[in-house]
Protein backbone atom coordinates (compact mmCIF):
# COMPACT_ATOMS: atom_id res chain seq x y z
CA MET A 1 -81.93 44.78 -83.85
CA SER A 2 -84.12 47.71 -84.91
CA LEU A 3 -87.33 45.96 -83.81
CA SER A 4 -85.77 45.02 -80.48
CA LEU A 5 -84.84 48.64 -79.81
CA GLN A 6 -88.36 49.81 -80.65
CA ILE A 7 -89.82 47.23 -78.27
CA VAL A 8 -87.46 48.20 -75.44
CA VAL A 9 -88.03 51.95 -75.75
CA SER A 10 -91.82 51.73 -76.08
CA GLY A 11 -92.02 49.19 -73.25
CA LEU A 12 -89.94 51.32 -70.90
CA ALA A 13 -92.04 54.39 -71.70
CA ALA A 14 -95.27 52.58 -70.82
CA GLY A 15 -93.57 51.06 -67.79
CA GLY A 16 -92.54 54.50 -66.57
CA VAL A 17 -96.21 55.45 -66.22
CA TYR A 18 -96.99 52.15 -64.47
CA GLY A 19 -94.08 52.88 -62.16
CA LEU A 20 -95.46 56.26 -61.15
CA PHE A 21 -98.79 54.67 -60.31
CA ALA A 22 -96.88 51.99 -58.39
CA ILE A 23 -95.04 54.67 -56.38
CA ALA A 24 -98.34 56.28 -55.46
CA HIS A 25 -99.88 52.94 -54.44
CA ALA A 26 -96.80 52.03 -52.41
CA VAL A 27 -96.67 55.31 -50.49
CA ILE A 28 -100.37 55.15 -49.63
CA TYR A 29 -100.17 51.52 -48.53
CA ARG A 30 -97.10 52.06 -46.38
CA LEU A 31 -98.78 54.95 -44.61
CA THR A 32 -102.24 53.49 -44.10
CA GLY A 33 -102.34 49.82 -45.11
CA VAL A 34 -104.97 50.85 -47.66
CA VAL A 35 -105.16 50.11 -51.39
CA ASN A 36 -107.02 52.92 -53.11
CA LEU A 37 -109.14 50.99 -55.61
CA ALA A 38 -110.44 54.23 -57.13
CA PHE A 39 -107.00 55.61 -57.84
CA GLY A 40 -106.83 55.02 -61.61
CA ASP A 41 -110.36 56.26 -62.21
CA LEU A 42 -109.73 59.45 -60.24
CA VAL A 43 -106.65 60.16 -62.36
CA ALA A 44 -108.76 59.59 -65.48
CA LEU A 45 -111.22 62.12 -64.11
CA GLY A 46 -108.38 64.66 -63.84
CA VAL A 47 -107.31 63.99 -67.42
CA TYR A 48 -110.86 64.50 -68.72
CA VAL A 49 -111.27 67.69 -66.70
CA THR A 50 -108.08 68.95 -68.34
CA LEU A 51 -109.55 68.24 -71.77
CA VAL A 52 -112.84 69.97 -70.92
CA ALA A 53 -111.04 72.99 -69.47
CA ALA A 54 -108.91 73.21 -72.62
CA ALA A 55 -111.61 72.95 -75.28
CA GLY A 56 -115.00 72.48 -73.67
CA THR A 57 -117.02 69.58 -75.03
CA GLY A 58 -115.62 69.88 -78.55
CA PRO A 59 -112.71 67.94 -80.07
CA VAL A 60 -109.27 68.83 -78.74
CA SER A 61 -106.19 69.27 -80.89
CA ALA A 62 -102.86 71.01 -80.73
CA THR A 63 -104.13 73.58 -83.22
CA ASN A 64 -107.28 74.70 -81.40
CA VAL A 65 -105.80 74.94 -77.91
CA GLY A 66 -103.20 77.62 -77.21
CA GLY A 67 -100.22 77.05 -74.95
CA LEU A 68 -101.41 79.36 -72.16
CA ARG A 69 -104.93 77.95 -72.18
CA PHE A 70 -103.61 74.42 -72.09
CA ALA A 71 -101.30 75.26 -69.18
CA LEU A 72 -104.30 76.62 -67.25
CA ALA A 73 -106.32 73.52 -68.16
CA LEU A 74 -103.49 71.32 -66.96
CA ALA A 75 -103.40 73.18 -63.65
CA VAL A 76 -107.16 72.67 -63.27
CA GLY A 77 -106.83 68.95 -64.01
CA LEU A 78 -104.04 68.53 -61.46
CA LEU A 79 -106.05 70.41 -58.85
CA VAL A 80 -108.94 68.01 -59.46
CA CYS A 81 -106.61 65.04 -58.92
CA VAL A 82 -105.25 66.60 -55.73
CA ALA A 83 -108.74 67.37 -54.42
CA ALA A 84 -110.05 63.93 -55.41
CA GLY A 85 -107.14 62.23 -53.66
CA ALA A 86 -107.58 64.24 -50.48
CA GLY A 87 -111.35 63.78 -50.56
CA THR A 88 -110.96 60.03 -50.97
CA TYR A 89 -108.96 59.81 -47.77
CA VAL A 90 -111.27 62.06 -45.76
CA ALA A 91 -114.56 60.55 -46.93
CA ALA A 92 -113.79 56.96 -47.96
CA VAL A 93 -110.73 55.85 -45.99
CA GLN A 94 -110.19 57.73 -42.73
CA PRO A 95 -113.54 56.83 -41.06
CA TYR A 96 -112.96 53.11 -41.59
CA VAL A 97 -109.21 53.01 -40.87
CA GLU A 98 -109.79 54.64 -37.49
CA ARG A 99 -112.34 51.95 -36.65
CA GLY A 100 -110.14 49.15 -37.97
CA ARG A 101 -112.75 48.08 -40.53
CA ALA A 102 -110.97 47.14 -43.74
CA ILE A 103 -114.20 46.10 -45.45
CA GLY A 104 -115.38 49.70 -45.11
CA TRP A 105 -112.59 51.33 -47.09
CA VAL A 106 -112.56 48.48 -49.61
CA ALA A 107 -116.25 48.95 -50.31
CA ALA A 108 -116.03 52.76 -50.29
CA THR A 109 -113.09 53.03 -52.70
CA ALA A 110 -114.56 50.34 -54.98
CA ALA A 111 -117.90 52.15 -55.07
CA LEU A 112 -116.12 55.42 -55.86
CA ALA A 113 -114.20 53.73 -58.67
CA PHE A 114 -117.39 52.35 -60.23
CA ALA A 115 -119.16 55.71 -59.90
CA VAL A 116 -116.36 57.72 -61.54
CA HIS A 117 -115.89 55.14 -64.29
CA ALA A 118 -119.61 55.12 -65.08
CA LEU A 119 -119.65 58.93 -65.15
CA LEU A 120 -116.73 59.16 -67.57
CA ALA A 121 -118.05 56.37 -69.78
CA GLY A 122 -121.43 58.06 -69.96
CA VAL A 123 -120.35 61.60 -70.77
CA SER A 124 -117.27 61.12 -72.91
CA SER A 125 -115.68 58.95 -75.56
CA ALA A 126 -112.07 58.15 -76.40
CA GLN A 127 -110.05 61.25 -77.21
CA VAL A 128 -106.48 61.90 -78.24
CA PHE A 129 -104.83 64.25 -75.79
CA PRO A 130 -103.17 67.28 -77.45
CA ASP A 131 -99.41 67.61 -77.41
CA PRO A 132 -98.64 71.12 -76.14
CA LEU A 133 -94.90 70.54 -76.52
CA ARG A 134 -95.37 69.65 -80.21
CA LEU A 135 -92.93 66.77 -80.07
CA ASP A 136 -94.38 65.76 -83.44
CA ARG A 137 -92.28 68.52 -85.00
CA ILE A 138 -89.09 66.65 -84.13
CA GLY A 139 -87.82 64.20 -86.73
CA ARG A 140 -90.55 62.77 -88.97
CA GLY A 141 -93.79 63.41 -87.14
CA GLY A 142 -92.16 62.90 -83.76
CA VAL A 143 -90.25 59.80 -84.84
CA VAL A 144 -86.46 59.56 -85.07
CA THR A 145 -84.23 56.77 -86.35
CA ILE A 146 -81.72 55.26 -83.93
CA ALA A 147 -79.56 52.30 -85.00
CA GLY A 148 -82.05 51.58 -87.76
CA ALA A 149 -85.04 51.65 -85.41
CA SER A 150 -87.89 54.16 -85.68
CA VAL A 151 -88.49 55.44 -82.14
CA GLN A 152 -90.98 58.02 -80.91
CA ILE A 153 -89.49 61.05 -79.18
CA ARG A 154 -92.44 60.94 -76.76
CA SER A 155 -91.19 57.64 -75.37
CA PHE A 156 -87.98 59.31 -74.17
CA PHE A 157 -89.96 62.24 -72.79
CA VAL A 158 -92.30 59.99 -70.80
CA LEU A 159 -89.39 57.96 -69.44
CA ALA A 160 -87.58 61.18 -68.42
CA VAL A 161 -90.72 62.44 -66.63
CA ALA A 162 -91.00 59.14 -64.75
CA LEU A 163 -87.35 59.25 -63.64
CA VAL A 164 -87.59 62.89 -62.52
CA LEU A 165 -90.79 62.30 -60.54
CA ALA A 166 -89.38 59.14 -58.92
CA ALA A 167 -86.28 61.08 -57.87
CA ALA A 168 -88.45 63.91 -56.55
CA ALA A 169 -90.61 61.48 -54.55
CA THR A 170 -87.53 59.84 -53.03
CA ALA A 171 -85.99 63.18 -52.09
CA PHE A 172 -89.28 64.44 -50.66
CA LEU A 173 -89.77 61.39 -48.45
CA SER A 174 -86.18 61.18 -47.25
CA ARG A 175 -85.18 64.83 -46.86
CA SER A 176 -88.18 67.09 -46.36
CA ARG A 177 -89.76 67.68 -42.96
CA ILE A 178 -93.14 66.56 -44.26
CA GLY A 179 -91.61 63.46 -45.79
CA LYS A 180 -89.92 62.54 -42.53
CA GLY A 181 -93.26 62.97 -40.77
CA MET A 182 -94.82 60.56 -43.26
CA ARG A 183 -92.04 58.06 -42.62
CA ALA A 184 -92.70 58.31 -38.91
CA ILE A 185 -96.35 57.52 -39.56
CA ALA A 186 -95.35 54.52 -41.68
CA ASP A 187 -93.16 53.24 -38.83
CA ASP A 188 -95.73 53.70 -36.05
CA ALA A 189 -98.77 55.92 -36.55
CA ALA A 190 -99.75 55.83 -32.87
CA ALA A 191 -96.29 56.87 -31.72
CA ALA A 192 -96.15 59.60 -34.35
CA ARG A 193 -99.46 60.99 -33.13
CA THR A 194 -98.21 60.90 -29.54
CA ILE A 195 -95.17 63.04 -30.30
CA GLY A 196 -97.28 65.62 -32.11
CA VAL A 197 -97.07 64.61 -35.77
CA PRO A 198 -100.28 65.82 -37.52
CA VAL A 199 -101.16 62.34 -38.77
CA ASP A 200 -104.50 63.04 -40.42
CA ARG A 201 -103.23 66.17 -42.14
CA LEU A 202 -100.17 64.38 -43.54
CA LEU A 203 -102.19 61.38 -44.68
CA THR A 204 -104.61 63.66 -46.50
CA LEU A 205 -101.63 65.37 -48.14
CA ALA A 206 -100.13 61.99 -49.11
CA PHE A 207 -103.32 60.95 -50.91
CA ALA A 208 -103.43 64.32 -52.66
CA LEU A 209 -99.78 64.24 -53.80
CA ALA A 210 -100.06 60.62 -54.93
CA GLY A 211 -102.88 61.63 -57.25
CA ALA A 212 -100.85 64.52 -58.65
CA VAL A 213 -97.75 62.39 -59.34
CA ALA A 214 -99.71 59.68 -61.15
CA ALA A 215 -101.70 62.29 -63.09
CA LEU A 216 -98.51 63.92 -64.37
CA GLY A 217 -97.32 60.58 -65.67
CA ALA A 218 -100.66 59.83 -67.32
CA ILE A 219 -100.85 63.28 -68.94
CA ALA A 220 -97.25 63.02 -70.22
CA ALA A 221 -98.09 59.74 -71.97
CA ALA A 222 -101.67 60.58 -73.01
CA PRO A 223 -100.89 62.19 -76.42
CA GLY A 224 -99.45 58.86 -77.58
CA ALA A 225 -102.79 57.02 -77.83
CA PRO A 226 -106.56 57.54 -77.40
CA PHE A 227 -107.56 58.02 -73.77
CA ASP A 228 -110.92 56.72 -72.52
CA ALA A 229 -112.62 55.75 -69.26
CA ASP A 230 -110.95 52.34 -69.23
CA THR A 231 -107.45 53.78 -69.61
CA GLY A 232 -107.32 55.15 -66.08
CA THR A 233 -108.67 51.93 -64.60
CA LEU A 234 -106.02 49.85 -66.39
CA LEU A 235 -103.23 52.20 -65.31
CA GLY A 236 -104.40 51.93 -61.71
CA VAL A 237 -104.46 48.12 -61.86
CA LYS A 238 -101.05 47.85 -63.52
CA GLY A 239 -99.55 50.28 -61.04
CA LEU A 240 -100.96 48.19 -58.20
CA VAL A 241 -99.51 45.00 -59.71
CA ALA A 242 -96.08 46.64 -59.99
CA ALA A 243 -96.31 47.85 -56.37
CA LEU A 244 -97.28 44.35 -55.23
CA ALA A 245 -94.31 42.88 -57.09
CA VAL A 246 -91.91 44.83 -54.85
CA ARG A 247 -94.16 44.50 -51.78
CA PHE A 248 -94.97 48.21 -51.73
CA GLY A 249 -91.28 49.08 -51.51
CA PRO A 250 -89.47 52.43 -51.89
CA PRO A 251 -90.06 54.67 -54.94
CA TRP A 252 -87.13 53.45 -57.02
CA GLN A 253 -88.14 49.82 -56.54
CA ALA A 254 -91.74 50.61 -57.49
CA LEU A 255 -90.57 52.44 -60.61
CA ALA A 256 -88.27 49.55 -61.57
CA ALA A 257 -91.17 47.11 -61.21
CA GLY A 258 -93.29 49.29 -63.48
CA LEU A 259 -90.53 49.42 -66.09
CA VAL A 260 -90.20 45.63 -66.06
CA LEU A 261 -93.97 45.24 -66.38
CA GLY A 262 -94.09 47.64 -69.33
CA LEU A 263 -91.15 45.92 -71.01
CA GLY A 264 -92.79 42.52 -70.51
CA GLU A 265 -95.98 43.76 -72.14
CA ALA A 266 -94.06 45.14 -75.13
CA VAL A 267 -92.13 41.91 -75.64
CA LEU A 268 -95.28 39.77 -75.45
CA ALA A 269 -97.15 42.11 -77.81
CA ASN A 270 -94.55 41.30 -80.47
CA ALA A 271 -94.07 37.63 -79.59
CA GLU A 272 -95.20 34.64 -81.63
CA LEU A 273 -96.28 31.20 -80.47
CA GLY A 274 -96.09 28.44 -83.03
CA GLY A 275 -95.77 30.99 -85.80
CA HIS A 276 -98.86 32.89 -84.66
CA ALA A 277 -98.87 36.27 -82.94
CA LEU A 278 -100.47 36.42 -79.52
CA ALA A 279 -103.85 38.10 -79.26
CA PRO A 280 -103.48 41.76 -78.10
CA GLY A 281 -105.08 41.12 -74.72
CA TRP A 282 -102.57 38.44 -73.73
CA SER A 283 -99.68 40.91 -73.67
CA GLN A 284 -101.42 42.70 -70.80
CA VAL A 285 -102.81 39.66 -68.99
CA LEU A 286 -99.72 37.43 -68.87
CA PRO A 287 -97.37 39.85 -67.01
CA ILE A 288 -100.07 40.49 -64.40
CA ALA A 289 -100.69 36.75 -64.05
CA ALA A 290 -96.95 36.17 -63.59
CA VAL A 291 -96.79 38.70 -60.75
CA LEU A 292 -99.83 37.19 -59.04
CA ALA A 293 -98.31 33.72 -59.34
CA PHE A 294 -95.08 35.02 -57.81
CA LEU A 295 -96.99 36.57 -54.92
CA ALA A 296 -98.84 33.31 -54.35
CA VAL A 297 -95.49 31.58 -53.86
CA ARG A 298 -93.89 34.42 -51.90
CA PRO A 299 -96.56 36.49 -50.09
CA PRO A 300 -95.73 40.10 -49.11
CA ARG A 301 -93.69 40.71 -45.98
CA VAL A 302 -95.41 42.25 -42.98
CA ALA A 303 -92.57 44.69 -42.34
CA LEU A 304 -92.03 47.02 -45.26
CA GLU A 305 -88.71 48.58 -46.14
CA ALA A 306 -87.99 52.15 -45.14
CA VAL A 307 -87.13 54.85 -47.63
CA PRO A 308 -83.33 54.96 -47.92
CA GLU A 309 -81.58 57.98 -46.47
């Protein structure tokens, strides 16, 4: 019972981050028909900028970075994610979408992903993100016992952040004037442009906000494990897989898909086959393979669901 609870909580926490990336992928795809292949790497860039702004090139810890300085560093990192997202649309997506050349934005976003990944891999190594909230002071080093299970407080925090951001994204898209403009673009971009909706401006904003939402999720979870150049790439891929599983559906569906993916990974990481534990890599590969197999049997619908009122 205790092990099962640990698996569920840790899996849902990881899945919450995947879900936020899935929400970002889904919103972008519904608006433009584009999959931003550089998305995870750009979020990783924002995380590393936050670390550099907090402590320069030296090691980062909760003891050598004050709360105010870290808050400023976090703001800088988020601004980088926002600027990178907006810049990706303007430079790597918009020119090719307007010409109807999918190969253009595929090549451009893939090239950007490789460039950012190579940059981060070359100038930095794995680092443990500091915990400005000092959740490690709760319980025994940030761990509490529930029904006999030792569970990290951070897992609940990450899951709460994911739920709040998913709710905020849903409310923004369904109730705000900007969100309604984005929904009009998703329904018919040409018609939206005809009636005066600033399509290019809103699409640039959508790319920027998607980067910020995913970055918040990544930063919330980052203190739990070392963060390196590959971490952002994997988060981007897993978020895309979760978005594909629900055919780029509304935010709550994308979040749910991410939660299921994270839970599946956690279960497989603790599973045994013939008395032998699975190799670590299989816990990440098998859920992705299952989603791809499902999509092969049931390909995505052409018409995507609207955000519920």
